[in-house]
Amino acid sequence: MYKLIASDLDGTLLNPQHRISEATREVVERCREQGDKFVIATGRHYLDVKEIAKNFSFPMYLITSNGAQAHNKDGEILYSSNLDQAQVSQLLELSKPFKSHRNLYTDDAWFVEEVDSRLETFHTESGFAYQLTSFDTFEHSNVLKLFFVGDHDELMNIEAAAKAVFGESLNIAFSLPHCLEVMNVSANKGIALSKVVESKGLSLQDCIAFGDGFNDKEMLEVAGKGIVMENAHYKLKEALPYLERTKSNTEDGVAWYLNQHQF
C-alpha cells in the first residue's frame, strides 16, 4: 500500500466531461480516511485547480502547470520554475506561421489572443477564465508555460520547430493529442513530485502515480509505482511499455485501480 497517491486530471482523474465522478470522489475520500496523502498533478493553472480540489473534503498539495509550480495544502508555493523571457519571445515568434490557438500562463493569469470555444469545456467546473491580449505587445514576465491547442499534426510541426531551436533546453510535451505544452527544462511533474515528497518526509518509493499524457512521463518514472491509463497518448505507452495499465478515464480507471489494490 502506498502512502502518497499522485494523479493527473484531464484524461486521468477527470471523466471525458472534465469532471470528477462520484465514484472517483468516494474512492479518493476513502484513501484519505485510511491516512493516504493525495496530490493532484496537472498541466492546469493553480487558480483553476484549487477550485476543482474543493470537490474533496480535505486540502491537498497541488502540482500545476506541468510541474512549473507546486503548492502545499495551505496554498504556499513549494516550488516554482518560470520560462526565460527571451525563450517566450522566441517561442511566440517561431509559432506564428503555424495554425494553432496560443495560450500563456503567468503566475496569476491565463492569456490568449483570440476566443476558442474548445477551451470552454475544460473550465466549466472551476470558472477559471482567460484574458484576451496581444502577444506582440505582451510583457513576457513570470511565464509558467506556453501551450498550443489545435490539430495534432500541426502541433507536431510546432514541436519539431521548437526542438530544432531549443533542443533539450526546454521541456516540450503533449498533455493531450490536441495540446502541446512548453515549460522550463526544470519544470516537470517528476521534479515537482520529488519536492512534495521531500516536504512531507516521504520517499518517492512511497508514491503511486497515474497519468495519460507525455507530460506525465517523468512523474510515472520517478514514482515507486507508475500507472498508465488505457486511454493514454500513444507516445506515453511507447515510452513506458513496462508500466502497469489501468482502465480508461471513461471507466473511472484511477478509482478502479485503487479499489483493487490500495484497500
C-alpha atoms as a PDB file:
ATOM      1  CA  MET A   1       0.000   0.000   0.000  1.00  0.00           C
ATOM      2  CA  TYR A   2       1.341   3.426  -0.971  1.00  0.00           C
ATOM      3  CA  LYS A   3       1.408   6.418   1.365  1.00  0.00           C
ATOM      4  CA  LEU A   4       1.018   9.080  -1.331  1.00  0.00           C
ATOM      5  CA  ILE A   5      -1.177   8.980  -4.439  1.00  0.00           C
ATOM      6  CA  ALA A   6      -0.492  11.452  -7.262  1.00  0.00           C
ATOM      7  CA  SER A   7      -2.840  11.818 -10.207  1.00  0.00           C
ATOM      8  CA  ASP A   8      -3.112  13.858 -13.355  1.00  0.00           C
ATOM      9  CA  LEU A   9      -6.522  15.441 -14.022  1.00  0.00           C
ATOM     10  CA  ASP A  10      -7.636  15.590 -17.682  1.00  0.00           C
ATOM     11  CA  GLY A  11      -7.719  12.137 -19.225  1.00  0.00           C
ATOM     12  CA  THR A  12      -6.946  10.564 -15.851  1.00  0.00           C
ATOM     13  CA  LEU A  13      -8.821  11.548 -12.676  1.00  0.00           C
ATOM     14  CA  LEU A  14     -11.477  13.536 -14.568  1.00  0.00           C
ATOM     15  CA  ASN A  15     -14.044  11.883 -16.824  1.00  0.00           C
ATOM     16  CA  PRO A  16     -14.381  12.851 -20.525  1.00  0.00           C
ATOM     17  CA  GLN A  17     -16.659  15.737 -19.466  1.00  0.00           C
ATOM     18  CA  HIS A  18     -13.719  17.087 -17.401  1.00  0.00           C
ATOM     19  CA  ARG A  19     -15.499  16.435 -14.112  1.00  0.00           C
ATOM     20  CA  ILE A  20     -14.826  14.237 -11.086  1.00  0.00           C
ATOM     21  CA  SER A  21     -17.310  11.374 -10.999  1.00  0.00           C
ATOM     22  CA  GLU A  22     -18.990  10.421  -7.751  1.00  0.00           C
ATOM     23  CA  ALA A  23     -17.267   7.014  -7.830  1.00  0.00           C
ATOM     24  CA  THR A  24     -13.853   8.667  -8.094  1.00  0.00           C
ATOM     25  CA  ARG A  25     -14.613  11.199  -5.380  1.00  0.00           C
ATOM     26  CA  GLU A  26     -15.683   8.446  -2.980  1.00  0.00           C
ATOM     27  CA  VAL A  27     -12.515   6.425  -3.556  1.00  0.00           C
ATOM     28  CA  VAL A  28     -10.259   9.458  -3.040  1.00  0.00           C
ATOM     29  CA  GLU A  29     -12.097  10.261   0.202  1.00  0.00           C
ATOM     30  CA  ARG A  30     -11.663   6.662   1.325  1.00  0.00           C
ATOM     31  CA  CYS A  31      -7.927   6.850   0.663  1.00  0.00           C
ATOM     32  CA  ARG A  32      -7.729   9.955   2.797  1.00  0.00           C
ATOM     33  CA  GLU A  33      -9.685   8.278   5.607  1.00  0.00           C
ATOM     34  CA  GLN A  34      -7.116   5.488   5.824  1.00  0.00           C
ATOM     35  CA  GLY A  35      -4.292   8.019   6.061  1.00  0.00           C
ATOM     36  CA  ASP A  36      -3.057   8.214   2.471  1.00  0.00           C
ATOM     37  CA  LYS A  37      -1.877  11.540   1.040  1.00  0.00           C
ATOM     38  CA  PHE A  38      -3.445  12.631  -2.255  1.00  0.00           C
ATOM     39  CA  VAL A  39      -1.788  15.022  -4.717  1.00  0.00           C
ATOM     40  CA  ILE A  40      -3.186  16.436  -7.955  1.00  0.00           C
ATOM     41  CA  ALA A  41      -0.515  16.852 -10.655  1.00  0.00           C
ATOM     42  CA  THR A  42      -1.770  18.622 -13.762  1.00  0.00           C
ATOM     43  CA  GLY A  43      -0.983  20.978 -16.600  1.00  0.00           C
ATOM     44  CA  ARG A  44      -3.755  23.287 -15.446  1.00  0.00           C
ATOM     45  CA  HIS A  45      -3.120  26.579 -13.658  1.00  0.00           C
ATOM     46  CA  TYR A  46      -3.119  26.681  -9.853  1.00  0.00           C
ATOM     47  CA  LEU A  47      -6.051  29.113  -9.771  1.00  0.00           C
ATOM     48  CA  ASP A  48      -8.042  26.612 -11.831  1.00  0.00           C
ATOM     49  CA  VAL A  49      -7.085  23.506  -9.870  1.00  0.00           C
ATOM     50  CA  LYS A  50      -7.648  24.881  -6.394  1.00  0.00           C
ATOM     51  CA  GLU A  51     -11.339  25.244  -7.286  1.00  0.00           C
ATOM     52  CA  ILE A  52     -11.535  21.674  -8.622  1.00  0.00           C
ATOM     53  CA  ALA A  53      -9.867  20.414  -5.434  1.00  0.00           C
ATOM     54  CA  LYS A  54     -12.832  21.761  -3.472  1.00  0.00           C
ATOM     55  CA  ASN A  55     -14.734  18.676  -4.666  1.00  0.00           C
ATOM     56  CA  PHE A  56     -12.955  16.900  -1.829  1.00  0.00           C
ATOM     57  CA  SER A  57     -13.439  17.373   1.911  1.00  0.00           C
ATOM     58  CA  PHE A  58      -9.749  17.903   2.672  1.00  0.00           C
ATOM     59  CA  PRO A  59      -6.989  20.272   1.479  1.00  0.00           C
ATOM     60  CA  MET A  60      -4.251  18.756  -0.670  1.00  0.00           C
ATOM     61  CA  TYR A  61      -0.921  19.533  -2.264  1.00  0.00           C
ATOM     62  CA  LEU A  62      -1.223  20.709  -5.876  1.00  0.00           C
ATOM     63  CA  ILE A  63       1.321  20.326  -8.674  1.00  0.00           C
ATOM     64  CA  THR A  64       0.256  22.630 -11.502  1.00  0.00           C
ATOM     65  CA  SER A  65       1.358  23.976 -14.899  1.00  0.00           C
ATOM     66  CA  ASN A  66       3.052  20.617 -15.578  1.00  0.00           C
ATOM     67  CA  GLY A  67       5.314  20.950 -12.576  1.00  0.00           C
ATOM     68  CA  ALA A  68       6.229  24.604 -13.041  1.00  0.00           C
ATOM     69  CA  GLN A  69       4.623  25.172  -9.629  1.00  0.00           C
ATOM     70  CA  ALA A  70       3.846  23.132  -6.529  1.00  0.00           C
ATOM     71  CA  HIS A  71       1.758  24.408  -3.618  1.00  0.00           C
ATOM     72  CA  ASN A  72       1.240  22.912  -0.181  1.00  0.00           C
ATOM     73  CA  LYS A  73      -2.225  22.394   1.279  1.00  0.00           C
ATOM     74  CA  ASP A  74      -2.173  25.933   2.716  1.00  0.00           C
ATOM     75  CA  GLY A  75      -1.597  27.439  -0.726  1.00  0.00           C
ATOM     76  CA  GLU A  76       2.066  28.281  -0.125  1.00  0.00           C
ATOM     77  CA  ILE A  77       4.492  27.816  -3.033  1.00  0.00           C
ATOM     78  CA  LEU A  78       6.899  24.910  -2.523  1.00  0.00           C
ATOM     79  CA  TYR A  79       8.498  25.082  -5.948  1.00  0.00           C
ATOM     80  CA  SER A  80       8.377  27.336  -8.999  1.00  0.00           C
ATOM     81  CA  SER A  81      10.223  27.350 -12.332  1.00  0.00           C
ATOM     82  CA  ASN A  82       9.402  30.006 -14.938  1.00  0.00           C
ATOM     83  CA  LEU A  83      10.309  30.278 -18.599  1.00  0.00           C
ATOM     84  CA  ASP A  84      13.027  32.746 -19.532  1.00  0.00           C
ATOM     85  CA  GLN A  85      11.640  35.934 -21.087  1.00  0.00           C
ATOM     86  CA  ALA A  86      13.810  35.541 -24.195  1.00  0.00           C
ATOM     87  CA  GLN A  87      12.608  31.957 -24.638  1.00  0.00           C
ATOM     88  CA  VAL A  88       8.987  33.087 -24.525  1.00  0.00           C
ATOM     89  CA  SER A  89       9.622  35.715 -27.194  1.00  0.00           C
ATOM     90  CA  GLN A  90      11.347  33.155 -29.426  1.00  0.00           C
ATOM     91  CA  LEU A  91       8.552  30.618 -28.985  1.00  0.00           C
ATOM     92  CA  LEU A  92       5.880  33.142 -29.875  1.00  0.00           C
ATOM     93  CA  GLU A  93       7.816  34.202 -32.957  1.00  0.00           C
ATOM     94  CA  LEU A  94       8.575  30.704 -34.285  1.00  0.00           C
ATOM     95  CA  SER A  95       4.969  29.552 -33.762  1.00  0.00           C
ATOM     96  CA  LYS A  96       3.433  32.395 -35.794  1.00  0.00           C
ATOM     97  CA  PRO A  97       3.423  30.560 -39.164  1.00  0.00           C
ATOM     98  CA  PHE A  98       1.521  27.598 -37.735  1.00  0.00           C
ATOM     99  CA  LYS A  99      -2.219  27.316 -37.237  1.00  0.00           C
ATOM    100  CA  SER A 100      -2.921  26.914 -33.526  1.00  0.00           C
ATOM    101  CA  HIS A 101      -4.552  28.628 -30.576  1.00  0.00           C
ATOM    102  CA  ARG A 102      -1.721  30.037 -28.454  1.00  0.00           C
ATOM    103  CA  ASN A 103      -2.046  30.262 -24.674  1.00  0.00           C
ATOM    104  CA  LEU A 104       0.200  31.640 -21.971  1.00  0.00           C
ATOM    105  CA  TYR A 105       0.115  31.080 -18.190  1.00  0.00           C
ATOM    106  CA  THR A 106       1.694  33.613 -15.846  1.00  0.00           C
ATOM    107  CA  ASP A 107       1.789  33.284 -12.057  1.00  0.00           C
ATOM    108  CA  ASP A 108      -1.681  34.726 -11.700  1.00  0.00           C
ATOM    109  CA  ALA A 109      -3.463  34.681 -15.080  1.00  0.00           C
ATOM    110  CA  TRP A 110      -4.187  32.925 -18.383  1.00  0.00           C
ATOM    111  CA  PHE A 111      -3.767  34.907 -21.609  1.00  0.00           C
ATOM    112  CA  VAL A 112      -4.892  34.187 -25.185  1.00  0.00           C
ATOM    113  CA  GLU A 113      -5.022  36.147 -28.431  1.00  0.00           C
ATOM    114  CA  GLU A 114      -8.491  35.046 -29.501  1.00  0.00           C
ATOM    115  CA  VAL A 115     -11.555  33.231 -28.226  1.00  0.00           C
ATOM    116  CA  ASP A 116     -11.567  29.441 -28.684  1.00  0.00           C
ATOM    117  CA  SER A 117     -14.739  27.543 -27.773  1.00  0.00           C
ATOM    118  CA  ARG A 118     -12.786  24.269 -27.452  1.00  0.00           C
ATOM    119  CA  LEU A 119     -11.284  25.516 -24.206  1.00  0.00           C
ATOM    120  CA  GLU A 120     -14.585  26.395 -22.576  1.00  0.00           C
ATOM    121  CA  THR A 121     -15.474  22.794 -21.622  1.00  0.00           C
ATOM    122  CA  PHE A 122     -12.233  22.380 -19.686  1.00  0.00           C
ATOM    123  CA  HIS A 123     -13.036  25.036 -17.129  1.00  0.00           C
ATOM    124  CA  THR A 124     -16.781  24.871 -16.532  1.00  0.00           C
ATOM    125  CA  GLU A 125     -16.290  23.491 -13.027  1.00  0.00           C
ATOM    126  CA  SER A 126     -13.709  25.988 -11.780  1.00  0.00           C
ATOM    127  CA  GLY A 127     -14.788  29.110 -13.657  1.00  0.00           C
ATOM    128  CA  PHE A 128     -11.157  29.892 -14.486  1.00  0.00           C
ATOM    129  CA  ALA A 129     -11.270  32.275 -17.456  1.00  0.00           C
ATOM    130  CA  TYR A 130      -8.724  33.549 -19.944  1.00  0.00           C
ATOM    131  CA  GLN A 131      -7.936  37.184 -20.715  1.00  0.00           C
ATOM    132  CA  LEU A 132      -7.587  38.479 -24.269  1.00  0.00           C
ATOM    133  CA  THR A 133      -4.358  40.254 -25.162  1.00  0.00           C
ATOM    134  CA  SER A 134      -1.899  40.813 -27.999  1.00  0.00           C
ATOM    135  CA  PHE A 135       1.245  38.720 -27.682  1.00  0.00           C
ATOM    136  CA  ASP A 136       3.042  41.222 -29.913  1.00  0.00           C
ATOM    137  CA  THR A 137       2.955  43.799 -27.114  1.00  0.00           C
ATOM    138  CA  PHE A 138       2.674  41.491 -24.097  1.00  0.00           C
ATOM    139  CA  GLU A 139       5.316  41.774 -21.356  1.00  0.00           C
ATOM    140  CA  HIS A 140       6.559  38.187 -21.072  1.00  0.00           C
ATOM    141  CA  SER A 141       7.481  38.068 -17.377  1.00  0.00           C
ATOM    142  CA  ASN A 142       6.641  35.400 -14.794  1.00  0.00           C
ATOM    143  CA  VAL A 143       5.539  32.968 -17.516  1.00  0.00           C
ATOM    144  CA  LEU A 144       4.978  29.442 -16.220  1.00  0.00           C
ATOM    145  CA  LYS A 145       4.219  27.825 -19.554  1.00  0.00           C
ATOM    146  CA  LEU A 146       3.171  28.407 -23.135  1.00  0.00           C
ATOM    147  CA  PHE A 147       0.782  25.949 -24.757  1.00  0.00           C
ATOM    148  CA  PHE A 148      -0.733  25.409 -28.169  1.00  0.00           C
ATOM    149  CA  VAL A 149      -4.166  23.944 -28.926  1.00  0.00           C
ATOM    150  CA  GLY A 150      -5.046  22.646 -32.379  1.00  0.00           C
ATOM    151  CA  ASP A 151      -4.823  19.828 -34.893  1.00  0.00           C
ATOM    152  CA  HIS A 152      -2.388  17.136 -33.744  1.00  0.00           C
ATOM    153  CA  ASP A 153      -0.383  17.088 -36.970  1.00  0.00           C
ATOM    154  CA  GLU A 154       0.031  20.858 -36.908  1.00  0.00           C
ATOM    155  CA  LEU A 155       1.114  20.724 -33.269  1.00  0.00           C
ATOM    156  CA  MET A 156       3.719  18.118 -34.169  1.00  0.00           C
ATOM    157  CA  ASN A 157       5.116  20.656 -36.646  1.00  0.00           C
ATOM    158  CA  ILE A 158       5.343  23.241 -33.861  1.00  0.00           C
ATOM    159  CA  GLU A 159       7.014  20.649 -31.627  1.00  0.00           C
ATOM    160  CA  ALA A 160       9.603  19.911 -34.316  1.00  0.00           C
ATOM    161  CA  ALA A 161      10.268  23.616 -34.914  1.00  0.00           C
ATOM    162  CA  ALA A 162      10.684  24.316 -31.198  1.00  0.00           C
ATOM    163  CA  LYS A 163      13.010  21.351 -30.677  1.00  0.00           C
ATOM    164  CA  ALA A 164      15.077  22.414 -33.681  1.00  0.00           C
ATOM    165  CA  VAL A 165      15.713  25.764 -31.977  1.00  0.00           C
ATOM    166  CA  PHE A 166      15.863  24.792 -28.303  1.00  0.00           C
ATOM    167  CA  GLY A 167      16.901  21.131 -28.361  1.00  0.00           C
ATOM    168  CA  GLU A 168      16.748  19.739 -24.828  1.00  0.00           C
ATOM    169  CA  SER A 169      16.889  23.164 -23.149  1.00  0.00           C
ATOM    170  CA  LEU A 170      13.088  23.256 -22.759  1.00  0.00           C
ATOM    171  CA  ASN A 171      10.507  20.738 -21.580  1.00  0.00           C
ATOM    172  CA  ILE A 172       8.223  20.253 -24.611  1.00  0.00           C
ATOM    173  CA  ALA A 173       5.443  17.673 -24.287  1.00  0.00           C
ATOM    174  CA  PHE A 174       1.904  16.765 -25.316  1.00  0.00           C
ATOM    175  CA  SER A 175      -0.600  16.699 -22.446  1.00  0.00           C
ATOM    176  CA  LEU A 176      -3.415  15.703 -24.821  1.00  0.00           C
ATOM    177  CA  PRO A 177      -3.331  14.959 -28.571  1.00  0.00           C
ATOM    178  CA  HIS A 178      -4.633  18.465 -29.256  1.00  0.00           C
ATOM    179  CA  CYS A 179      -2.499  20.275 -26.665  1.00  0.00           C
ATOM    180  CA  LEU A 180       1.270  20.858 -26.863  1.00  0.00           C
ATOM    181  CA  GLU A 181       2.911  22.451 -23.816  1.00  0.00           C
ATOM    182  CA  VAL A 182       6.282  24.164 -23.304  1.00  0.00           C
ATOM    183  CA  MET A 183       7.913  24.763 -19.921  1.00  0.00           C
ATOM    184  CA  ASN A 184      11.303  25.483 -18.391  1.00  0.00           C
ATOM    185  CA  VAL A 185      13.567  22.425 -18.598  1.00  0.00           C
ATOM    186  CA  SER A 186      13.464  22.193 -14.784  1.00  0.00           C
ATOM    187  CA  ALA A 187       9.661  22.174 -14.760  1.00  0.00           C
ATOM    188  CA  ASN A 188       8.094  18.729 -14.900  1.00  0.00           C
ATOM    189  CA  LYS A 189       5.778  16.701 -12.714  1.00  0.00           C
ATOM    190  CA  GLY A 190       8.569  14.357 -11.623  1.00  0.00           C
ATOM    191  CA  ILE A 191      10.700  17.146 -10.176  1.00  0.00           C
ATOM    192  CA  ALA A 192       7.679  18.767  -8.533  1.00  0.00           C
ATOM    193  CA  LEU A 193       6.561  15.440  -7.041  1.00  0.00           C
ATOM    194  CA  SER A 194      10.010  14.952  -5.530  1.00  0.00           C
ATOM    195  CA  LYS A 195       9.702  18.386  -3.872  1.00  0.00           C
ATOM    196  CA  VAL A 196       6.293  17.487  -2.432  1.00  0.00           C
ATOM    197  CA  VAL A 197       7.525  14.111  -1.192  1.00  0.00           C
ATOM    198  CA  GLU A 198      10.575  15.700   0.424  1.00  0.00           C
ATOM    199  CA  SER A 199       8.429  18.288   2.208  1.00  0.00           C
ATOM    200  CA  LYS A 200       6.307  15.504   3.698  1.00  0.00           C
ATOM    201  CA  GLY A 201       9.247  13.403   4.861  1.00  0.00           C
ATOM    202  CA  LEU A 202       8.430  10.544   2.497  1.00  0.00           C
ATOM    203  CA  SER A 203      10.301   8.676  -0.230  1.00  0.00           C
ATOM    204  CA  LEU A 204       9.363   8.520  -3.904  1.00  0.00           C
ATOM    205  CA  GLN A 205       9.099   4.771  -3.355  1.00  0.00           C
ATOM    206  CA  ASP A 206       6.109   5.540  -1.121  1.00  0.00           C
ATOM    207  CA  CYS A 207       4.257   7.027  -4.126  1.00  0.00           C
ATOM    208  CA  ILE A 208       1.896   5.663  -6.743  1.00  0.00           C
ATOM    209  CA  ALA A 209       1.149   7.927  -9.714  1.00  0.00           C
ATOM    210  CA  PHE A 210      -1.436   7.901 -12.516  1.00  0.00           C
ATOM    211  CA  GLY A 211      -1.247   9.645 -15.894  1.00  0.00           C
ATOM    212  CA  ASP A 212      -2.262   9.601 -19.552  1.00  0.00           C
ATOM    213  CA  GLY A 213      -0.133  12.244 -21.283  1.00  0.00           C
ATOM    214  CA  PHE A 214       3.520  12.503 -22.249  1.00  0.00           C
ATOM    215  CA  ASN A 215       3.754  15.334 -19.728  1.00  0.00           C
ATOM    216  CA  ASP A 216       3.181  12.656 -17.050  1.00  0.00           C
ATOM    217  CA  LYS A 217       6.226  10.622 -18.118  1.00  0.00           C
ATOM    218  CA  GLU A 218       8.722  11.909 -15.539  1.00  0.00           C
ATOM    219  CA  MET A 219       6.228  11.560 -12.697  1.00  0.00           C
ATOM    220  CA  LEU A 220       5.378   7.985 -13.667  1.00  0.00           C
ATOM    221  CA  GLU A 221       9.084   7.147 -13.919  1.00  0.00           C
ATOM    222  CA  VAL A 222      10.131   8.511 -10.518  1.00  0.00           C
ATOM    223  CA  ALA A 223       7.166   7.210  -8.503  1.00  0.00           C
ATOM    224  CA  GLY A 224       7.505   3.902  -6.706  1.00  0.00           C
ATOM    225  CA  LYS A 225       4.731   2.692  -8.988  1.00  0.00           C
ATOM    226  CA  GLY A 226       3.562   4.410 -12.157  1.00  0.00           C
ATOM    227  CA  ILE A 227       0.210   3.504 -13.703  1.00  0.00           C
ATOM    228  CA  VAL A 228      -0.636   4.372 -17.312  1.00  0.00           C
ATOM    229  CA  MET A 229      -4.258   4.971 -18.295  1.00  0.00           C
ATOM    230  CA  GLU A 230      -5.740   2.780 -21.035  1.00  0.00           C
ATOM    231  CA  ASN A 231      -6.639   5.970 -22.925  1.00  0.00           C
ATOM    232  CA  ALA A 232      -3.067   7.310 -22.666  1.00  0.00           C
ATOM    233  CA  HIS A 233      -1.311   9.092 -25.536  1.00  0.00           C
ATOM    234  CA  TYR A 234       0.465   6.590 -27.773  1.00  0.00           C
ATOM    235  CA  LYS A 235       3.808   8.309 -27.166  1.00  0.00           C
ATOM    236  CA  LEU A 236       3.493   7.641 -23.437  1.00  0.00           C
ATOM    237  CA  LYS A 237       2.619   3.983 -23.994  1.00  0.00           C
ATOM    238  CA  GLU A 238       5.596   3.598 -26.318  1.00  0.00           C
ATOM    239  CA  ALA A 239       7.954   5.318 -23.869  1.00  0.00           C
ATOM    240  CA  LEU A 240       6.817   3.320 -20.826  1.00  0.00           C
ATOM    241  CA  PRO A 241       5.762  -0.119 -22.126  1.00  0.00           C
ATOM    242  CA  TYR A 242       6.847  -1.822 -18.900  1.00  0.00           C
ATOM    243  CA  LEU A 243       4.448   0.076 -16.639  1.00  0.00           C
ATOM    244  CA  GLU A 244       1.155  -1.392 -15.494  1.00  0.00           C
ATOM    245  CA  ARG A 245      -2.062  -0.039 -17.007  1.00  0.00           C
ATOM    246  CA  THR A 246      -5.494   0.657 -15.636  1.00  0.00           C
ATOM    247  CA  LYS A 247      -8.862   1.248 -17.269  1.00  0.00           C
ATOM    248  CA  SER A 248      -9.652   4.457 -19.166  1.00  0.00           C
ATOM    249  CA  ASN A 249     -10.920   7.640 -17.549  1.00  0.00           C
ATOM    250  CA  THR A 250     -14.320   6.853 -19.090  1.00  0.00           C
ATOM    251  CA  GLU A 251     -14.370   3.835 -16.767  1.00  0.00           C
ATOM    252  CA  ASP A 252     -13.000   5.702 -13.713  1.00  0.00           C
ATOM    253  CA  GLY A 253      -9.657   3.952 -14.155  1.00  0.00           C
ATOM    254  CA  VAL A 254      -7.946   5.609 -11.174  1.00  0.00           C
ATOM    255  CA  ALA A 255     -10.778   4.697  -8.810  1.00  0.00           C
ATOM    256  CA  TRP A 256     -10.954   1.175 -10.238  1.00  0.00           C
ATOM    257  CA  TYR A 257      -7.234   0.563  -9.681  1.00  0.00           C
ATOM    258  CA  LEU A 258      -7.226   1.987  -6.156  1.00  0.00           C
ATOM    259  CA  ASN A 259     -10.238  -0.141  -5.235  1.00  0.00           C
ATOM    260  CA  GLN A 260      -8.397  -3.226  -6.443  1.00  0.00           C
ATOM    261  CA  HIS A 261      -5.001  -2.552  -4.863  1.00  0.00           C
ATOM    262  CA  GLN A 262      -4.981   0.206  -2.225  1.00  0.00           C
ATOM    263  CA  PHE A 263      -7.515  -1.045   0.321  1.00  0.00           C
END
